[in-house]
Every structure is written in structure tokens, then in C-alpha cells.
Amino acid sequence: RKKKDPAQDIPGSSDGTAALYAQSL
């Protein structure tokens, strides 16, 4: 598997996962 680019990780993503991530934290 290709390594995931950490820059593409959740914070600041445009699909609403950033809010979910913040809530989870």
C-alpha cells in the first residue's frame, strides 16, 4: 500500500470530517 500523505489528514478537510474530528477529540 502507498503511504498516506500526512498533509491530507483530517484537520481542515472539506468533506465535514474536520468537524467530526474536532468533536471526537
mmCIF file of all heavy atoms, coordinates in Angstrom:
data_MODEL
# 
_entry.id   MODEL 
# 
loop_
_atom_site.group_PDB 
_atom_site.id 
_atom_site.type_symbol 
_atom_site.label_atom_id 
_atom_site.label_alt_id 
_atom_site.label_comp_id 
_atom_site.label_asym_id 
_atom_site.label_entity_id 
_atom_site.label_seq_id 
_atom_site.pdbx_PDB_ins_code 
_atom_site.Cartn_x 
_atom_site.Cartn_y 
_atom_site.Cartn_z 
_atom_site.occupancy 
_atom_site.B_iso_or_equiv 
_atom_site.pdbx_formal_charge 
_atom_site.auth_seq_id 
_atom_site.auth_comp_id 
_atom_site.auth_asym_id 
_atom_site.auth_atom_id 
_atom_site.pdbx_PDB_model_num 
ATOM 1   N N   . ARG A 1 1  ? 0.820   -1.205 0.000  1.00 0.00 ? 1  ARG A N   1 
ATOM 2   C CA  . ARG A 1 1  ? 0.000   0.000  0.000  1.00 0.00 ? 1  ARG A CA  1 
ATOM 3   C C   . ARG A 1 1  ? 0.848   1.246  0.000  1.00 0.00 ? 1  ARG A C   1 
ATOM 4   O O   . ARG A 1 1  ? 1.880   1.306  0.650  1.00 0.00 ? 1  ARG A O   1 
ATOM 5   C CB  . ARG A 1 1  ? -0.888  0.018  1.235  1.00 0.00 ? 1  ARG A CB  1 
ATOM 6   C CG  . ARG A 1 1  ? -2.254  -0.451 0.926  1.00 0.00 ? 1  ARG A CG  1 
ATOM 7   C CD  . ARG A 1 1  ? -3.151  -0.305 2.125  1.00 0.00 ? 1  ARG A CD  1 
ATOM 8   N NE  . ARG A 1 1  ? -3.868  -1.548 2.203  1.00 0.00 ? 1  ARG A NE  1 
ATOM 9   C CZ  . ARG A 1 1  ? -4.118  -2.220 3.284  1.00 0.00 ? 1  ARG A CZ  1 
ATOM 10  N NH1 . ARG A 1 1  ? -3.763  -1.761 4.435  1.00 0.00 ? 1  ARG A NH1 1 
ATOM 11  N NH2 . ARG A 1 1  ? -4.747  -3.356 3.238  1.00 0.00 ? 1  ARG A NH2 1 
ATOM 12  N N   . LYS A 1 2  ? 0.385   2.246  -0.716 1.00 0.00 ? 2  LYS A N   1 
ATOM 13  C CA  . LYS A 1 2  ? 1.092   3.512  -0.725 1.00 0.00 ? 2  LYS A CA  1 
ATOM 14  C C   . LYS A 1 2  ? 0.894   4.195  0.616  1.00 0.00 ? 2  LYS A C   1 
ATOM 15  O O   . LYS A 1 2  ? -0.160  4.115  1.220  1.00 0.00 ? 2  LYS A O   1 
ATOM 16  C CB  . LYS A 1 2  ? 0.573   4.402  -1.841 1.00 0.00 ? 2  LYS A CB  1 
ATOM 17  C CG  . LYS A 1 2  ? 0.891   3.858  -3.214 1.00 0.00 ? 2  LYS A CG  1 
ATOM 18  C CD  . LYS A 1 2  ? 0.353   4.758  -4.290 1.00 0.00 ? 2  LYS A CD  1 
ATOM 19  C CE  . LYS A 1 2  ? 0.639   4.158  -5.648 1.00 0.00 ? 2  LYS A CE  1 
ATOM 20  N NZ  . LYS A 1 2  ? 0.050   4.922  -6.730 1.00 0.00 ? 2  LYS A NZ  1 
ATOM 21  N N   . LYS A 1 3  ? 1.935   4.878  1.052  1.00 0.00 ? 3  LYS A N   1 
ATOM 22  C CA  . LYS A 1 3  ? 1.868   5.599  2.313  1.00 0.00 ? 3  LYS A CA  1 
ATOM 23  C C   . LYS A 1 3  ? 0.938   6.792  2.160  1.00 0.00 ? 3  LYS A C   1 
ATOM 24  O O   . LYS A 1 3  ? 0.930   7.464  1.140  1.00 0.00 ? 3  LYS A O   1 
ATOM 25  C CB  . LYS A 1 3  ? 3.253   6.102  2.721  1.00 0.00 ? 3  LYS A CB  1 
ATOM 26  C CG  . LYS A 1 3  ? 4.262   4.996  2.877  1.00 0.00 ? 3  LYS A CG  1 
ATOM 27  C CD  . LYS A 1 3  ? 4.002   4.210  4.136  1.00 0.00 ? 3  LYS A CD  1 
ATOM 28  C CE  . LYS A 1 3  ? 5.096   3.221  4.373  1.00 0.00 ? 3  LYS A CE  1 
ATOM 29  N NZ  . LYS A 1 3  ? 4.728   1.877  4.363  1.00 0.00 ? 3  LYS A NZ  1 
ATOM 30  N N   . LYS A 1 4  ? 0.134   7.024  3.201  1.00 0.00 ? 4  LYS A N   1 
ATOM 31  C CA  . LYS A 1 4  ? -0.800  8.132  3.188  1.00 0.00 ? 4  LYS A CA  1 
ATOM 32  C C   . LYS A 1 4  ? -0.040  9.420  3.451  1.00 0.00 ? 4  LYS A C   1 
ATOM 33  O O   . LYS A 1 4  ? 0.821   9.481  4.315  1.00 0.00 ? 4  LYS A O   1 
ATOM 34  C CB  . LYS A 1 4  ? -1.866  7.907  4.257  1.00 0.00 ? 4  LYS A CB  1 
ATOM 35  C CG  . LYS A 1 4  ? -3.113  8.699  4.063  1.00 0.00 ? 4  LYS A CG  1 
ATOM 36  C CD  . LYS A 1 4  ? -4.181  8.197  4.989  1.00 0.00 ? 4  LYS A CD  1 
ATOM 37  C CE  . LYS A 1 4  ? -4.510  9.271  5.982  1.00 0.00 ? 4  LYS A CE  1 
ATOM 38  N NZ  . LYS A 1 4  ? -5.535  8.886  6.912  1.00 0.00 ? 4  LYS A NZ  1 
ATOM 39  N N   . ASP A 1 5  ? -0.367  10.451 2.708  1.00 0.00 ? 5  ASP A N   1 
ATOM 40  C CA  . ASP A 1 5  ? 0.266   11.745 2.878  1.00 0.00 ? 5  ASP A CA  1 
ATOM 41  C C   . ASP A 1 5  ? -0.306  12.403 4.124  1.00 0.00 ? 5  ASP A C   1 
ATOM 42  O O   . ASP A 1 5  ? -1.498  12.682 4.188  1.00 0.00 ? 5  ASP A O   1 
ATOM 43  C CB  . ASP A 1 5  ? 0.005   12.608 1.646  1.00 0.00 ? 5  ASP A CB  1 
ATOM 44  C CG  . ASP A 1 5  ? 0.709   13.947 1.712  1.00 0.00 ? 5  ASP A CG  1 
ATOM 45  O OD1 . ASP A 1 5  ? 1.557   14.116 2.616  1.00 0.00 ? 5  ASP A OD1 1 
ATOM 46  O OD2 . ASP A 1 5  ? 0.411   14.816 0.867  1.00 0.00 ? 5  ASP A OD2 1 
ATOM 47  N N   . PRO A 1 6  ? 0.518   12.679 5.142  1.00 0.00 ? 6  PRO A N   1 
ATOM 48  C CA  . PRO A 1 6  ? 0.000   13.281 6.365  1.00 0.00 ? 6  PRO A CA  1 
ATOM 49  C C   . PRO A 1 6  ? -0.624  14.656 6.128  1.00 0.00 ? 6  PRO A C   1 
ATOM 50  O O   . PRO A 1 6  ? -1.466  15.097 6.882  1.00 0.00 ? 6  PRO A O   1 
ATOM 51  C CB  . PRO A 1 6  ? 1.219   13.401 7.278  1.00 0.00 ? 6  PRO A CB  1 
ATOM 52  C CG  . PRO A 1 6  ? 2.321   12.682 6.625  1.00 0.00 ? 6  PRO A CG  1 
ATOM 53  C CD  . PRO A 1 6  ? 1.928   12.387 5.222  1.00 0.00 ? 6  PRO A CD  1 
ATOM 54  N N   . ALA A 1 7  ? -0.229  15.323 5.077  1.00 0.00 ? 7  ALA A N   1 
ATOM 55  C CA  . ALA A 1 7  ? -0.793  16.639 4.774  1.00 0.00 ? 7  ALA A CA  1 
ATOM 56  C C   . ALA A 1 7  ? -2.266  16.531 4.397  1.00 0.00 ? 7  ALA A C   1 
ATOM 57  O O   . ALA A 1 7  ? -3.021  17.487 4.516  1.00 0.00 ? 7  ALA A O   1 
ATOM 58  C CB  . ALA A 1 7  ? -0.016  17.292 3.644  1.00 0.00 ? 7  ALA A CB  1 
ATOM 59  N N   . GLN A 1 8  ? -2.678  15.350 3.934  1.00 0.00 ? 8  GLN A N   1 
ATOM 60  C CA  . GLN A 1 8  ? -4.068  15.154 3.536  1.00 0.00 ? 8  GLN A CA  1 
ATOM 61  C C   . GLN A 1 8  ? -4.898  14.633 4.701  1.00 0.00 ? 8  GLN A C   1 
ATOM 62  O O   . GLN A 1 8  ? -6.030  14.224 4.513  1.00 0.00 ? 8  GLN A O   1 
ATOM 63  C CB  . GLN A 1 8  ? -4.164  14.144 2.396  1.00 0.00 ? 8  GLN A CB  1 
ATOM 64  C CG  . GLN A 1 8  ? -3.546  14.617 1.117  1.00 0.00 ? 8  GLN A CG  1 
ATOM 65  C CD  . GLN A 1 8  ? -3.577  13.538 0.061  1.00 0.00 ? 8  GLN A CD  1 
ATOM 66  O OE1 . GLN A 1 8  ? -3.824  12.377 0.354  1.00 0.00 ? 8  GLN A OE1 1 
ATOM 67  N NE2 . GLN A 1 8  ? -3.318  13.915 -1.171 1.00 0.00 ? 8  GLN A NE2 1 
ATOM 68  N N   . ASP A 1 9  ? -4.320  14.652 5.908  1.00 0.00 ? 9  ASP A N   1 
ATOM 69  C CA  . ASP A 1 9  ? -5.035  14.122 7.058  1.00 0.00 ? 9  ASP A CA  1 
ATOM 70  C C   . ASP A 1 9  ? -6.234  14.984 7.405  1.00 0.00 ? 9  ASP A C   1 
ATOM 71  O O   . ASP A 1 9  ? -6.442  16.056 6.864  1.00 0.00 ? 9  ASP A O   1 
ATOM 72  C CB  . ASP A 1 9  ? -4.092  14.000 8.253  1.00 0.00 ? 9  ASP A CB  1 
ATOM 73  C CG  . ASP A 1 9  ? -4.176  12.637 8.898  1.00 0.00 ? 9  ASP A CG  1 
ATOM 74  O OD1 . ASP A 1 9  ? -5.070  11.867 8.527  1.00 0.00 ? 9  ASP A OD1 1 
ATOM 75  O OD2 . ASP A 1 9  ? -3.339  12.345 9.762  1.00 0.00 ? 9  ASP A OD2 1 
ATOM 76  N N   . ILE A 1 10 ? -7.014  14.555 8.340  1.00 0.00 ? 10 ILE A N   1 
ATOM 77  C CA  . ILE A 1 10 ? -8.343  15.082 8.620  1.00 0.00 ? 10 ILE A CA  1 
ATOM 78  C C   . ILE A 1 10 ? -8.447  16.586 8.890  1.00 0.00 ? 10 ILE A C   1 
ATOM 79  O O   . ILE A 1 10 ? -9.293  17.233 8.317  1.00 0.00 ? 10 ILE A O   1 
ATOM 80  C CB  . ILE A 1 10 ? -8.970  14.264 9.769  1.00 0.00 ? 10 ILE A CB  1 
ATOM 81  C CG1 . ILE A 1 10 ? -9.257  12.877 9.243  1.00 0.00 ? 10 ILE A CG1 1 
ATOM 82  C CG2 . ILE A 1 10 ? -10.217 14.902 10.306 1.00 0.00 ? 10 ILE A CG2 1 
ATOM 83  C CD1 . ILE A 1 10 ? -9.716  11.912 10.277 1.00 0.00 ? 10 ILE A CD1 1 
ATOM 84  N N   . PRO A 1 11 ? -7.648  17.196 9.765  1.00 0.00 ? 11 PRO A N   1 
ATOM 85  C CA  . PRO A 1 11 ? -7.902  18.604 10.069 1.00 0.00 ? 11 PRO A CA  1 
ATOM 86  C C   . PRO A 1 11 ? -7.930  19.470 8.818  1.00 0.00 ? 11 PRO A C   1 
ATOM 87  O O   . PRO A 1 11 ? -7.052  19.413 7.970  1.00 0.00 ? 11 PRO A O   1 
ATOM 88  C CB  . PRO A 1 11 ? -6.732  18.996 10.975 1.00 0.00 ? 11 PRO A CB  1 
ATOM 89  C CG  . PRO A 1 11 ? -6.341  17.723 11.623 1.00 0.00 ? 11 PRO A CG  1 
ATOM 90  C CD  . PRO A 1 11 ? -6.571  16.662 10.575 1.00 0.00 ? 11 PRO A CD  1 
ATOM 91  N N   . GLY A 1 12 ? -8.977  20.266 8.689  1.00 0.00 ? 12 GLY A N   1 
ATOM 92  C CA  . GLY A 1 12 ? -9.130  21.187 7.567  1.00 0.00 ? 12 GLY A CA  1 
ATOM 93  C C   . GLY A 1 12 ? -9.679  20.568 6.307  1.00 0.00 ? 12 GLY A C   1 
ATOM 94  O O   . GLY A 1 12 ? -9.752  21.214 5.272  1.00 0.00 ? 12 GLY A O   1 
ATOM 95  N N   . SER A 1 13 ? -10.107 19.314 6.348  1.00 0.00 ? 13 SER A N   1 
ATOM 96  C CA  . SER A 1 13 ? -10.633 18.687 5.143  1.00 0.00 ? 13 SER A CA  1 
ATOM 97  C C   . SER A 1 13 ? -12.000 19.278 4.818  1.00 0.00 ? 13 SER A C   1 
ATOM 98  O O   . SER A 1 13 ? -12.703 19.769 5.674  1.00 0.00 ? 13 SER A O   1 
ATOM 99  C CB  . SER A 1 13 ? -10.708 17.172 5.293  1.00 0.00 ? 13 SER A CB  1 
ATOM 100 O OG  . SER A 1 13 ? -11.555 16.851 6.360  1.00 0.00 ? 13 SER A OG  1 
ATOM 101 N N   . SER A 1 14 ? -12.364 19.195 3.559  1.00 0.00 ? 14 SER A N   1 
ATOM 102 C CA  . SER A 1 14 ? -13.577 19.883 3.109  1.00 0.00 ? 14 SER A CA  1 
ATOM 103 C C   . SER A 1 14 ? -14.836 19.026 3.166  1.00 0.00 ? 14 SER A C   1 
ATOM 104 O O   . SER A 1 14 ? -15.918 19.522 2.922  1.00 0.00 ? 14 SER A O   1 
ATOM 105 C CB  . SER A 1 14 ? -13.363 20.354 1.668  1.00 0.00 ? 14 SER A CB  1 
ATOM 106 O OG  . SER A 1 14 ? -13.131 19.226 0.840  1.00 0.00 ? 14 SER A OG  1 
ATOM 107 N N   . ASP A 1 15 ? -14.722 17.766 3.499  1.00 0.00 ? 15 ASP A N   1 
ATOM 108 C CA  . ASP A 1 15 ? -15.898 16.891 3.456  1.00 0.00 ? 15 ASP A CA  1 
ATOM 109 C C   . ASP A 1 15 ? -16.613 16.760 4.799  1.00 0.00 ? 15 ASP A C   1 
ATOM 110 O O   . ASP A 1 15 ? -17.414 15.862 4.996  1.00 0.00 ? 15 ASP A O   1 
ATOM 111 C CB  . ASP A 1 15 ? -15.517 15.509 2.918  1.00 0.00 ? 15 ASP A CB  1 
ATOM 112 C CG  . ASP A 1 15 ? -14.503 14.809 3.792  1.00 0.00 ? 15 ASP A CG  1 
ATOM 113 O OD1 . ASP A 1 15 ? -14.021 15.429 4.746  1.00 0.00 ? 15 ASP A OD1 1 
ATOM 114 O OD2 . ASP A 1 15 ? -14.201 13.639 3.504  1.00 0.00 ? 15 ASP A OD2 1 
ATOM 115 N N   . GLY A 1 16 ? -16.337 17.658 5.737  1.00 0.00 ? 16 GLY A N   1 
ATOM 116 C CA  . GLY A 1 16 ? -17.037 17.630 7.021  1.00 0.00 ? 16 GLY A CA  1 
ATOM 117 C C   . GLY A 1 16 ? -16.373 16.762 8.054  1.00 0.00 ? 16 GLY A C   1 
ATOM 118 O O   . GLY A 1 16 ? -16.838 16.689 9.188  1.00 0.00 ? 16 GLY A O   1 
ATOM 119 N N   . THR A 1 17 ? -15.297 16.105 7.703  1.00 0.00 ? 17 THR A N   1 
ATOM 120 C CA  . THR A 1 17 ? -14.634 15.239 8.681  1.00 0.00 ? 17 THR A CA  1 
ATOM 121 C C   . THR A 1 17 ? -13.861 16.058 9.705  1.00 0.00 ? 17 THR A C   1 
ATOM 122 O O   . THR A 1 17 ? -13.595 15.567 10.796 1.00 0.00 ? 17 THR A O   1 
ATOM 123 C CB  . THR A 1 17 ? -13.689 14.236 7.996  1.00 0.00 ? 17 THR A CB  1 
ATOM 124 O OG1 . THR A 1 17 ? -12.793 14.945 7.153  1.00 0.00 ? 17 THR A OG1 1 
ATOM 125 C CG2 . THR A 1 17 ? -14.456 13.218 7.191  1.00 0.00 ? 17 THR A CG2 1 
ATOM 126 N N   . ALA A 1 18 ? -13.515 17.309 9.372  1.00 0.00 ? 18 ALA A N   1 
ATOM 127 C CA  . ALA A 1 18 ? -12.786 18.148 10.323 1.00 0.00 ? 18 ALA A CA  1 
ATOM 128 C C   . ALA A 1 18 ? -13.638 18.400 11.561 1.00 0.00 ? 18 ALA A C   1 
ATOM 129 O O   . ALA A 1 18 ? -13.146 18.327 12.688 1.00 0.00 ? 18 ALA A O   1 
ATOM 130 C CB  . ALA A 1 18 ? -12.378 19.455 9.675  1.00 0.00 ? 18 ALA A CB  1 
ATOM 131 N N   . ALA A 1 19 ? -14.921 18.695 11.359 1.00 0.00 ? 19 ALA A N   1 
ATOM 132 C CA  . ALA A 1 19 ? -15.820 18.931 12.494 1.00 0.00 ? 19 ALA A CA  1 
ATOM 133 C C   . ALA A 1 19 ? -15.981 17.652 13.303 1.00 0.00 ? 19 ALA A C   1 
ATOM 134 O O   . ALA A 1 19 ? -15.958 17.679 14.539 1.00 0.00 ? 19 ALA A O   1 
ATOM 135 C CB  . ALA A 1 19 ? -17.173 19.424 12.000 1.00 0.00 ? 19 ALA A CB  1 
ATOM 136 N N   . LEU A 1 20 ? -16.130 16.541 12.622 1.00 0.00 ? 20 LEU A N   1 
ATOM 137 C CA  . LEU A 1 20 ? -16.259 15.257 13.300 1.00 0.00 ? 20 LEU A CA  1 
ATOM 138 C C   . LEU A 1 20 ? -14.991 14.934 14.086 1.00 0.00 ? 20 LEU A C   1 
ATOM 139 O O   . LEU A 1 20 ? -15.047 14.452 15.216 1.00 0.00 ? 20 LEU A O   1 
ATOM 140 C CB  . LEU A 1 20 ? -16.549 14.158 12.278 1.00 0.00 ? 20 LEU A CB  1 
ATOM 141 C CG  . LEU A 1 20 ? -16.763 12.761 12.808 1.00 0.00 ? 20 LEU A CG  1 
ATOM 142 C CD1 . LEU A 1 20 ? -17.984 12.725 13.727 1.00 0.00 ? 20 LEU A CD1 1 
ATOM 143 C CD2 . LEU A 1 20 ? -16.962 11.785 11.668 1.00 0.00 ? 20 LEU A CD2 1 
ATOM 144 N N   . TYR A 1 21 ? -13.860 15.247 13.485 1.00 0.00 ? 21 TYR A N   1 
ATOM 145 C CA  . TYR A 1 21 ? -12.569 15.037 14.129 1.00 0.00 ? 21 TYR A CA  1 
ATOM 146 C C   . TYR A 1 21 ? -12.473 15.875 15.404 1.00 0.00 ? 21 TYR A C   1 
ATOM 147 O O   . TYR A 1 21 ? -12.080 15.377 16.461 1.00 0.00 ? 21 TYR A O   1 
ATOM 148 C CB  . TYR A 1 21 ? -11.451 15.399 13.149 1.00 0.00 ? 21 TYR A CB  1 
ATOM 149 C CG  . TYR A 1 21 ? -10.058 15.224 13.673 1.00 0.00 ? 21 TYR A CG  1 
ATOM 150 C CD1 . TYR A 1 21 ? -9.482  13.968 13.777 1.00 0.00 ? 21 TYR A CD1 1 
ATOM 151 C CD2 . TYR A 1 21 ? -9.295  16.325 14.058 1.00 0.00 ? 21 TYR A CD2 1 
ATOM 152 C CE1 . TYR A 1 21 ? -8.198  13.804 14.254 1.00 0.00 ? 21 TYR A CE1 1 
ATOM 153 C CE2 . TYR A 1 21 ? -8.008  16.174 14.538 1.00 0.00 ? 21 TYR A CE2 1 
ATOM 154 C CZ  . TYR A 1 21 ? -7.464  14.907 14.624 1.00 0.00 ? 21 TYR A CZ  1 
ATOM 155 O OH  . TYR A 1 21 ? -6.190  14.753 15.088 1.00 0.00 ? 21 TYR A OH  1 
ATOM 156 N N   . ALA A 1 22 ? -12.860 17.145 15.324 1.00 0.00 ? 22 ALA A N   1 
ATOM 157 C CA  . ALA A 1 22 ? -12.811 18.041 16.480 1.00 0.00 ? 22 ALA A CA  1 
ATOM 158 C C   . ALA A 1 22 ? -13.752 17.544 17.580 1.00 0.00 ? 22 ALA A C   1 
ATOM 159 O O   . ALA A 1 22 ? -13.380 17.542 18.763 1.00 0.00 ? 22 ALA A O   1 
ATOM 160 C CB  . ALA A 1 22 ? -13.175 19.459 16.066 1.00 0.00 ? 22 ALA A CB  1 
ATOM 161 N N   . GLN A 1 23 ? -14.944 17.110 17.198 1.00 0.00 ? 23 GLN A N   1 
ATOM 162 C CA  . GLN A 1 23 ? -15.896 16.573 18.181 1.00 0.00 ? 23 GLN A CA  1 
ATOM 163 C C   . GLN A 1 23 ? -15.325 15.332 18.856 1.00 0.00 ? 23 GLN A C   1 
ATOM 164 O O   . GLN A 1 23 ? -15.451 15.150 20.072 1.00 0.00 ? 23 GLN A O   1 
ATOM 165 C CB  . GLN A 1 23 ? -17.220 16.222 17.512 1.00 0.00 ? 23 GLN A CB  1 
ATOM 166 C CG  . GLN A 1 23 ? -18.043 17.406 17.102 1.00 0.00 ? 23 GLN A CG  1 
ATOM 167 C CD  . GLN A 1 23 ? -19.282 16.978 16.310 1.00 0.00 ? 23 GLN A CD  1 
ATOM 168 O OE1 . GLN A 1 23 ? -19.388 15.822 15.881 1.00 0.00 ? 23 GLN A OE1 1 
ATOM 169 N NE2 . GLN A 1 23 ? -20.191 17.910 16.102 1.00 0.00 ? 23 GLN A NE2 1 
ATOM 170 N N   . SER A 1 24 ? -14.708 14.493 18.068 1.00 0.00 ? 24 SER A N   1 
ATOM 171 C CA  . SER A 1 24 ? -14.127 13.262 18.609 1.00 0.00 ? 24 SER A CA  1 
ATOM 172 C C   . SER A 1 24 ? -13.018 13.588 19.608 1.00 0.00 ? 24 SER A C   1 
ATOM 173 O O   . SER A 1 24 ? -12.924 12.955 20.663 1.00 0.00 ? 24 SER A O   1 
ATOM 174 C CB  . SER A 1 24 ? -13.574 12.390 17.487 1.00 0.00 ? 24 SER A CB  1 
ATOM 175 O OG  . SER A 1 24 ? -14.605 12.001 16.627 1.00 0.00 ? 24 SER A OG  1 
ATOM 176 N N   . LEU A 1 25 ? -12.184 14.574 19.260 1.00 0.00 ? 25 LEU A N   1 
ATOM 177 C CA  . LEU A 1 25 ? -11.117 14.968 20.182 1.00 0.00 ? 25 LEU A CA  1 
ATOM 178 C C   . LEU A 1 25 ? -11.691 15.490 21.492 1.00 0.00 ? 25 LEU A C   1 
ATOM 179 O O   . LEU A 1 25 ? -11.198 15.171 22.573 1.00 0.00 ? 25 LEU A O   1 
ATOM 180 C CB  . LEU A 1 25 ? -10.224 16.037 19.547 1.00 0.00 ? 25 LEU A CB  1 
ATOM 181 C CG  . LEU A 1 25 ? -9.194  15.545 18.550 1.00 0.00 ? 25 LEU A CG  1 
ATOM 182 C CD1 . LEU A 1 25 ? -8.398  16.715 17.979 1.00 0.00 ? 25 LEU A CD1 1 
ATOM 183 C CD2 . LEU A 1 25 ? -8.258  14.538 19.175 1.00 0.00 ? 25 LEU A CD2 1 
# 
